[in-house]
Amino acid sequence: MMLPPTSADMYDRFGDDLRVCAPLFRDFGGRTAFAGAAVTVKCFEDNSRIKEALDEPGHGRVLVADCGSSLRCAMLGDMIAERAVEQGWAGVIIDGCVRDVLRLAELDLGIKAIAPTPRKSTRRGEGQRDIPVQIGGVPIHPGDAVLCDRDGILIASPTLLPALLGQAPTSDLAGR
């Protein structure tokens, strides 16, 4: 698998055409650099929509979950993350907590979250999918380009996805 360009290099190249999430997120997955098109979920202390999304084929996309920055329960654990790997997701960004961190670190999946906690969430079937969300002070729409690495999280319009994936340059921004 080819790694995407670094977020620092992409920021140098595209500057203000990129949105930079606040540096609140830590790496928990075995993959620390990942990129893909955003699939969005908005939920609070109920991971039903996260599980539902990650049960579907990922096609190299990134699930972005606006969990209201709650630190009271984990929204992703080892079983759901293992399913995400099986389904071909590139990564998951959780604006909240995860659990089973030793196992998450072994998985070929990018996982960014705020913190770990052993407490699991409840499932009441609540939450929304495929709507605009906000994490780290940045708005994210379904289909936006997402690039994550140890330097942080970048969000861009879908037209920049090929560049963020390290494919041939697109648009007239390539010469910047």
C-alpha atoms as a PDB file:
ATOM      1  CA  MET A   1       0.000   0.000   0.000  1.00  0.00           C
ATOM      2  CA  MET A   2       1.308   3.422  -0.953  1.00  0.00           C
ATOM      3  CA  LEU A   3       1.226   5.983   1.845  1.00  0.00           C
ATOM      4  CA  PRO A   4      -0.446   9.312   1.136  1.00  0.00           C
ATOM      5  CA  PRO A   5       1.695  12.465   1.052  1.00  0.00           C
ATOM      6  CA  THR A   6       2.317  14.034   4.456  1.00  0.00           C
ATOM      7  CA  SER A   7      -0.111  16.588   5.823  1.00  0.00           C
ATOM      8  CA  ALA A   8       2.743  19.098   6.166  1.00  0.00           C
ATOM      9  CA  ASP A   9       3.669  18.700   2.482  1.00  0.00           C
ATOM     10  CA  MET A  10       0.035  19.025   1.445  1.00  0.00           C
ATOM     11  CA  TYR A  11      -0.416  22.120   3.593  1.00  0.00           C
ATOM     12  CA  ASP A  12       2.692  23.662   2.013  1.00  0.00           C
ATOM     13  CA  ARG A  13       1.250  22.878  -1.402  1.00  0.00           C
ATOM     14  CA  PHE A  14      -2.404  23.878  -0.936  1.00  0.00           C
ATOM     15  CA  GLY A  15      -2.370  26.204   2.104  1.00  0.00           C
ATOM     16  CA  ASP A  16      -5.695  27.821   2.892  1.00  0.00           C
ATOM     17  CA  ASP A  17      -7.549  25.515   0.502  1.00  0.00           C
ATOM     18  CA  LEU A  18      -7.249  22.988   3.345  1.00  0.00           C
ATOM     19  CA  ARG A  19      -9.028  22.998   6.699  1.00  0.00           C
ATOM     20  CA  VAL A  20      -6.843  21.970   9.652  1.00  0.00           C
ATOM     21  CA  CYS A  21      -8.501  20.314  12.650  1.00  0.00           C
ATOM     22  CA  ALA A  22      -7.430  21.483  16.098  1.00  0.00           C
ATOM     23  CA  PRO A  23      -4.676  19.232  17.493  1.00  0.00           C
ATOM     24  CA  LEU A  24      -6.938  17.322  19.873  1.00  0.00           C
ATOM     25  CA  PHE A  25      -6.647  13.847  18.377  1.00  0.00           C
ATOM     26  CA  ARG A  26      -4.301  10.956  19.157  1.00  0.00           C
ATOM     27  CA  ASP A  27      -3.448   7.930  17.029  1.00  0.00           C
ATOM     28  CA  PHE A  28      -4.841   4.606  18.209  1.00  0.00           C
ATOM     29  CA  GLY A  29      -4.805   2.417  15.076  1.00  0.00           C
ATOM     30  CA  GLY A  30      -1.968   0.432  13.557  1.00  0.00           C
ATOM     31  CA  ARG A  31      -2.006   2.749  10.542  1.00  0.00           C
ATOM     32  CA  THR A  32      -0.882   6.284  11.430  1.00  0.00           C
ATOM     33  CA  ALA A  33      -1.183   7.779   7.922  1.00  0.00           C
ATOM     34  CA  PHE A  34      -4.398   7.421   5.945  1.00  0.00           C
ATOM     35  CA  ALA A  35      -6.576   9.300   3.504  1.00  0.00           C
ATOM     36  CA  GLY A  36      -9.927   8.912   1.796  1.00  0.00           C
ATOM     37  CA  ALA A  37     -13.329  10.377   1.136  1.00  0.00           C
ATOM     38  CA  ALA A  38     -15.328  11.289   4.250  1.00  0.00           C
ATOM     39  CA  VAL A  39     -18.412   9.419   5.383  1.00  0.00           C
ATOM     40  CA  THR A  40     -20.018  11.343   8.224  1.00  0.00           C
ATOM     41  CA  VAL A  41     -21.899  10.355  11.366  1.00  0.00           C
ATOM     42  CA  LYS A  42     -23.267  12.554  14.133  1.00  0.00           C
ATOM     43  CA  CYS A  43     -24.042  10.779  17.396  1.00  0.00           C
ATOM     44  CA  PHE A  44     -23.736  11.291  21.147  1.00  0.00           C
ATOM     45  CA  GLU A  45     -22.883   8.425  23.504  1.00  0.00           C
ATOM     46  CA  ASP A  46     -24.637   5.957  21.168  1.00  0.00           C
ATOM     47  CA  ASN A  47     -22.442   4.211  18.600  1.00  0.00           C
ATOM     48  CA  SER A  48     -25.278   2.615  16.583  1.00  0.00           C
ATOM     49  CA  ARG A  49     -24.606   4.709  13.452  1.00  0.00           C
ATOM     50  CA  ILE A  50     -20.834   4.112  13.712  1.00  0.00           C
ATOM     51  CA  LYS A  51     -21.323   0.344  13.852  1.00  0.00           C
ATOM     52  CA  GLU A  52     -23.861   0.506  11.026  1.00  0.00           C
ATOM     53  CA  ALA A  53     -21.510   2.474   8.763  1.00  0.00           C
ATOM     54  CA  LEU A  54     -18.449   0.312   9.451  1.00  0.00           C
ATOM     55  CA  ASP A  55     -20.456  -2.849   8.713  1.00  0.00           C
ATOM     56  CA  GLU A  56     -20.718  -1.625   5.102  1.00  0.00           C
ATOM     57  CA  PRO A  57     -17.968  -1.789   2.455  1.00  0.00           C
ATOM     58  CA  GLY A  58     -15.529   1.051   3.090  1.00  0.00           C
ATOM     59  CA  HIS A  59     -13.863   1.300  -0.333  1.00  0.00           C
ATOM     60  CA  GLY A  60     -10.894   3.108   1.281  1.00  0.00           C
ATOM     61  CA  ARG A  61     -13.041   5.838   2.815  1.00  0.00           C
ATOM     62  CA  VAL A  62     -12.692   7.516   6.219  1.00  0.00           C
ATOM     63  CA  LEU A  63     -15.539   7.543   8.746  1.00  0.00           C
ATOM     64  CA  VAL A  64     -15.700  10.902  10.538  1.00  0.00           C
ATOM     65  CA  ALA A  65     -17.839  10.711  13.695  1.00  0.00           C
ATOM     66  CA  ASP A  66     -18.924  13.900  15.459  1.00  0.00           C
ATOM     67  CA  CYS A  67     -19.532  12.506  18.939  1.00  0.00           C
ATOM     68  CA  GLY A  68     -19.805  15.861  20.679  1.00  0.00           C
ATOM     69  CA  SER A  69     -16.322  15.421  22.186  1.00  0.00           C
ATOM     70  CA  SER A  70     -17.845  13.264  24.935  1.00  0.00           C
ATOM     71  CA  LEU A  71     -15.316  11.632  27.224  1.00  0.00           C
ATOM     72  CA  ARG A  72     -17.886   9.526  29.112  1.00  0.00           C
ATOM     73  CA  CYS A  73     -17.882   6.413  26.930  1.00  0.00           C
ATOM     74  CA  ALA A  74     -16.052   4.745  24.046  1.00  0.00           C
ATOM     75  CA  MET A  75     -17.636   5.006  20.622  1.00  0.00           C
ATOM     76  CA  LEU A  76     -15.296   2.457  18.984  1.00  0.00           C
ATOM     77  CA  GLY A  77     -13.791  -0.752  20.285  1.00  0.00           C
ATOM     78  CA  ASP A  78     -11.923  -3.738  18.911  1.00  0.00           C
ATOM     79  CA  MET A  79     -14.876  -5.662  17.454  1.00  0.00           C
ATOM     80  CA  ILE A  80     -16.266  -2.776  15.411  1.00  0.00           C
ATOM     81  CA  ALA A  81     -12.741  -1.757  14.342  1.00  0.00           C
ATOM     82  CA  GLU A  82     -11.965  -5.321  13.229  1.00  0.00           C
ATOM     83  CA  ARG A  83     -15.100  -5.219  11.094  1.00  0.00           C
ATOM     84  CA  ALA A  84     -13.942  -1.915   9.563  1.00  0.00           C
ATOM     85  CA  VAL A  85     -10.679  -3.582   8.523  1.00  0.00           C
ATOM     86  CA  GLU A  86     -12.586  -6.506   6.981  1.00  0.00           C
ATOM     87  CA  GLN A  87     -14.788  -4.066   5.081  1.00  0.00           C
ATOM     88  CA  GLY A  88     -11.886  -2.069   3.636  1.00  0.00           C
ATOM     89  CA  TRP A  89     -12.088   1.251   5.501  1.00  0.00           C
ATOM     90  CA  ALA A  90      -8.939   3.403   5.469  1.00  0.00           C
ATOM     91  CA  GLY A  91      -9.642   4.979   8.821  1.00  0.00           C
ATOM     92  CA  VAL A  92     -11.961   6.325  11.479  1.00  0.00           C
ATOM     93  CA  ILE A  93     -11.913   9.674  13.254  1.00  0.00           C
ATOM     94  CA  ILE A  94     -13.826   9.677  16.542  1.00  0.00           C
ATOM     95  CA  ASP A  95     -14.524  13.034  18.171  1.00  0.00           C
ATOM     96  CA  GLY A  96     -14.674  11.218  21.492  1.00  0.00           C
ATOM     97  CA  CYS A  97     -13.217   8.071  23.056  1.00  0.00           C
ATOM     98  CA  VAL A  98     -12.182   4.569  22.028  1.00  0.00           C
ATOM     99  CA  ARG A  99     -11.421   1.429  24.024  1.00  0.00           C
ATOM    100  CA  ASP A 100      -9.428  -1.807  23.596  1.00  0.00           C
ATOM    101  CA  VAL A 101      -6.431   0.330  22.665  1.00  0.00           C
ATOM    102  CA  LEU A 102      -3.869  -2.487  22.662  1.00  0.00           C
ATOM    103  CA  ARG A 103      -5.906  -4.383  20.077  1.00  0.00           C
ATOM    104  CA  LEU A 104      -6.680  -1.229  18.047  1.00  0.00           C
ATOM    105  CA  ALA A 105      -2.926  -0.601  17.714  1.00  0.00           C
ATOM    106  CA  GLU A 106      -2.534  -4.012  16.020  1.00  0.00           C
ATOM    107  CA  LEU A 107      -5.129  -3.343  13.310  1.00  0.00           C
ATOM    108  CA  ASP A 108      -4.353  -2.114   9.796  1.00  0.00           C
ATOM    109  CA  LEU A 109      -6.715   0.806  10.253  1.00  0.00           C
ATOM    110  CA  GLY A 110      -6.164   4.472  10.917  1.00  0.00           C
ATOM    111  CA  ILE A 111      -7.912   5.528  14.122  1.00  0.00           C
ATOM    112  CA  LYS A 112      -7.830   9.036  15.553  1.00  0.00           C
ATOM    113  CA  ALA A 113      -9.722   9.852  18.739  1.00  0.00           C
ATOM    114  CA  ILE A 114      -9.452  12.158  21.725  1.00  0.00           C
ATOM    115  CA  ALA A 115      -8.799   9.620  24.498  1.00  0.00           C
ATOM    116  CA  PRO A 116      -9.320   6.041  25.696  1.00  0.00           C
ATOM    117  CA  THR A 117     -11.864   4.884  28.271  1.00  0.00           C
ATOM    118  CA  PRO A 118     -13.026   1.393  29.266  1.00  0.00           C
ATOM    119  CA  ARG A 119     -16.718   2.363  29.444  1.00  0.00           C
ATOM    120  CA  LYS A 120     -18.742   1.254  26.409  1.00  0.00           C
ATOM    121  CA  SER A 121     -21.504   3.264  24.809  1.00  0.00           C
ATOM    122  CA  THR A 122     -25.118   2.246  24.658  1.00  0.00           C
ATOM    123  CA  ARG A 123     -27.008   1.420  21.473  1.00  0.00           C
ATOM    124  CA  ARG A 124     -30.387   3.039  21.158  1.00  0.00           C
ATOM    125  CA  GLY A 125     -30.378   3.459  17.384  1.00  0.00           C
ATOM    126  CA  GLU A 126     -29.850   7.221  17.646  1.00  0.00           C
ATOM    127  CA  GLY A 127     -27.691   9.480  15.480  1.00  0.00           C
ATOM    128  CA  GLN A 128     -27.537  10.688  11.900  1.00  0.00           C
ATOM    129  CA  ARG A 129     -25.479   9.763   8.850  1.00  0.00           C
ATOM    130  CA  ASP A 130     -24.267  11.553   5.763  1.00  0.00           C
ATOM    131  CA  ILE A 131     -24.826  15.075   7.082  1.00  0.00           C
ATOM    132  CA  PRO A 132     -22.384  17.956   7.604  1.00  0.00           C
ATOM    133  CA  VAL A 133     -20.522  17.573  10.906  1.00  0.00           C
ATOM    134  CA  GLN A 134     -17.845  19.469  12.792  1.00  0.00           C
ATOM    135  CA  ILE A 135     -14.771  18.116  14.565  1.00  0.00           C
ATOM    136  CA  GLY A 136     -11.756  19.978  15.848  1.00  0.00           C
ATOM    137  CA  GLY A 137     -13.414  23.264  14.905  1.00  0.00           C
ATOM    138  CA  VAL A 138     -13.641  22.302  11.233  1.00  0.00           C
ATOM    139  CA  PRO A 139     -16.763  21.605   9.151  1.00  0.00           C
ATOM    140  CA  ILE A 140     -16.749  18.327   7.215  1.00  0.00           C
ATOM    141  CA  HIS A 141     -19.233  17.324   4.527  1.00  0.00           C
ATOM    142  CA  PRO A 142     -19.849  13.831   3.163  1.00  0.00           C
ATOM    143  CA  GLY A 143     -17.381  13.206   0.335  1.00  0.00           C
ATOM    144  CA  ASP A 144     -14.802  15.745   1.525  1.00  0.00           C
ATOM    145  CA  ALA A 145     -11.180  14.678   1.210  1.00  0.00           C
ATOM    146  CA  VAL A 146      -9.532  13.653   4.501  1.00  0.00           C
ATOM    147  CA  LEU A 147      -5.799  13.234   5.132  1.00  0.00           C
ATOM    148  CA  CYS A 148      -4.504  12.128   8.533  1.00  0.00           C
ATOM    149  CA  ASP A 149      -1.023  11.470   9.822  1.00  0.00           C
ATOM    150  CA  ARG A 150       0.987  12.072  12.994  1.00  0.00           C
ATOM    151  CA  ASP A 151       1.008  15.821  12.264  1.00  0.00           C
ATOM    152  CA  GLY A 152      -2.773  16.086  12.270  1.00  0.00           C
ATOM    153  CA  ILE A 153      -5.967  16.042  10.246  1.00  0.00           C
ATOM    154  CA  LEU A 154      -6.571  17.950   7.008  1.00  0.00           C
ATOM    155  CA  ILE A 155      -9.923  18.354   5.282  1.00  0.00           C
ATOM    156  CA  ALA A 156     -10.398  19.564   1.692  1.00  0.00           C
ATOM    157  CA  SER A 157     -12.981  19.726  -1.039  1.00  0.00           C
ATOM    158  CA  PRO A 158     -13.522  16.427  -2.884  1.00  0.00           C
ATOM    159  CA  THR A 159     -11.620  17.797  -5.904  1.00  0.00           C
ATOM    160  CA  LEU A 160      -8.369  17.553  -3.928  1.00  0.00           C
ATOM    161  CA  LEU A 161      -8.838  13.882  -2.982  1.00  0.00           C
ATOM    162  CA  PRO A 162      -6.537  12.539  -5.756  1.00  0.00           C
ATOM    163  CA  ALA A 163      -3.741  14.872  -4.633  1.00  0.00           C
ATOM    164  CA  LEU A 164      -4.195  13.920  -0.967  1.00  0.00           C
ATOM    165  CA  LEU A 165      -4.069  10.254  -1.940  1.00  0.00           C
ATOM    166  CA  GLY A 166      -0.771  10.831  -3.748  1.00  0.00           C
ATOM    167  CA  GLN A 167      -2.242  10.384  -7.217  1.00  0.00           C
ATOM    168  CA  ALA A 168      -1.691  12.651 -10.220  1.00  0.00           C
ATOM    169  CA  PRO A 169      -2.186  16.352  -9.435  1.00  0.00           C
ATOM    170  CA  THR A 170      -5.643  17.723 -10.020  1.00  0.00           C
ATOM    171  CA  SER A 171      -6.872  21.272 -10.526  1.00  0.00           C
ATOM    172  CA  ASP A 172      -4.903  24.386 -11.171  1.00  0.00           C
ATOM    173  CA  LEU A 173      -3.786  24.451  -7.515  1.00  0.00           C
ATOM    174  CA  ALA A 174      -0.953  22.019  -8.216  1.00  0.00           C
ATOM    175  CA  GLY A 175       1.525  24.762  -9.077  1.00  0.00           C
ATOM    176  CA  ARG A 176       1.291  26.566  -5.728  1.00  0.00           C
END
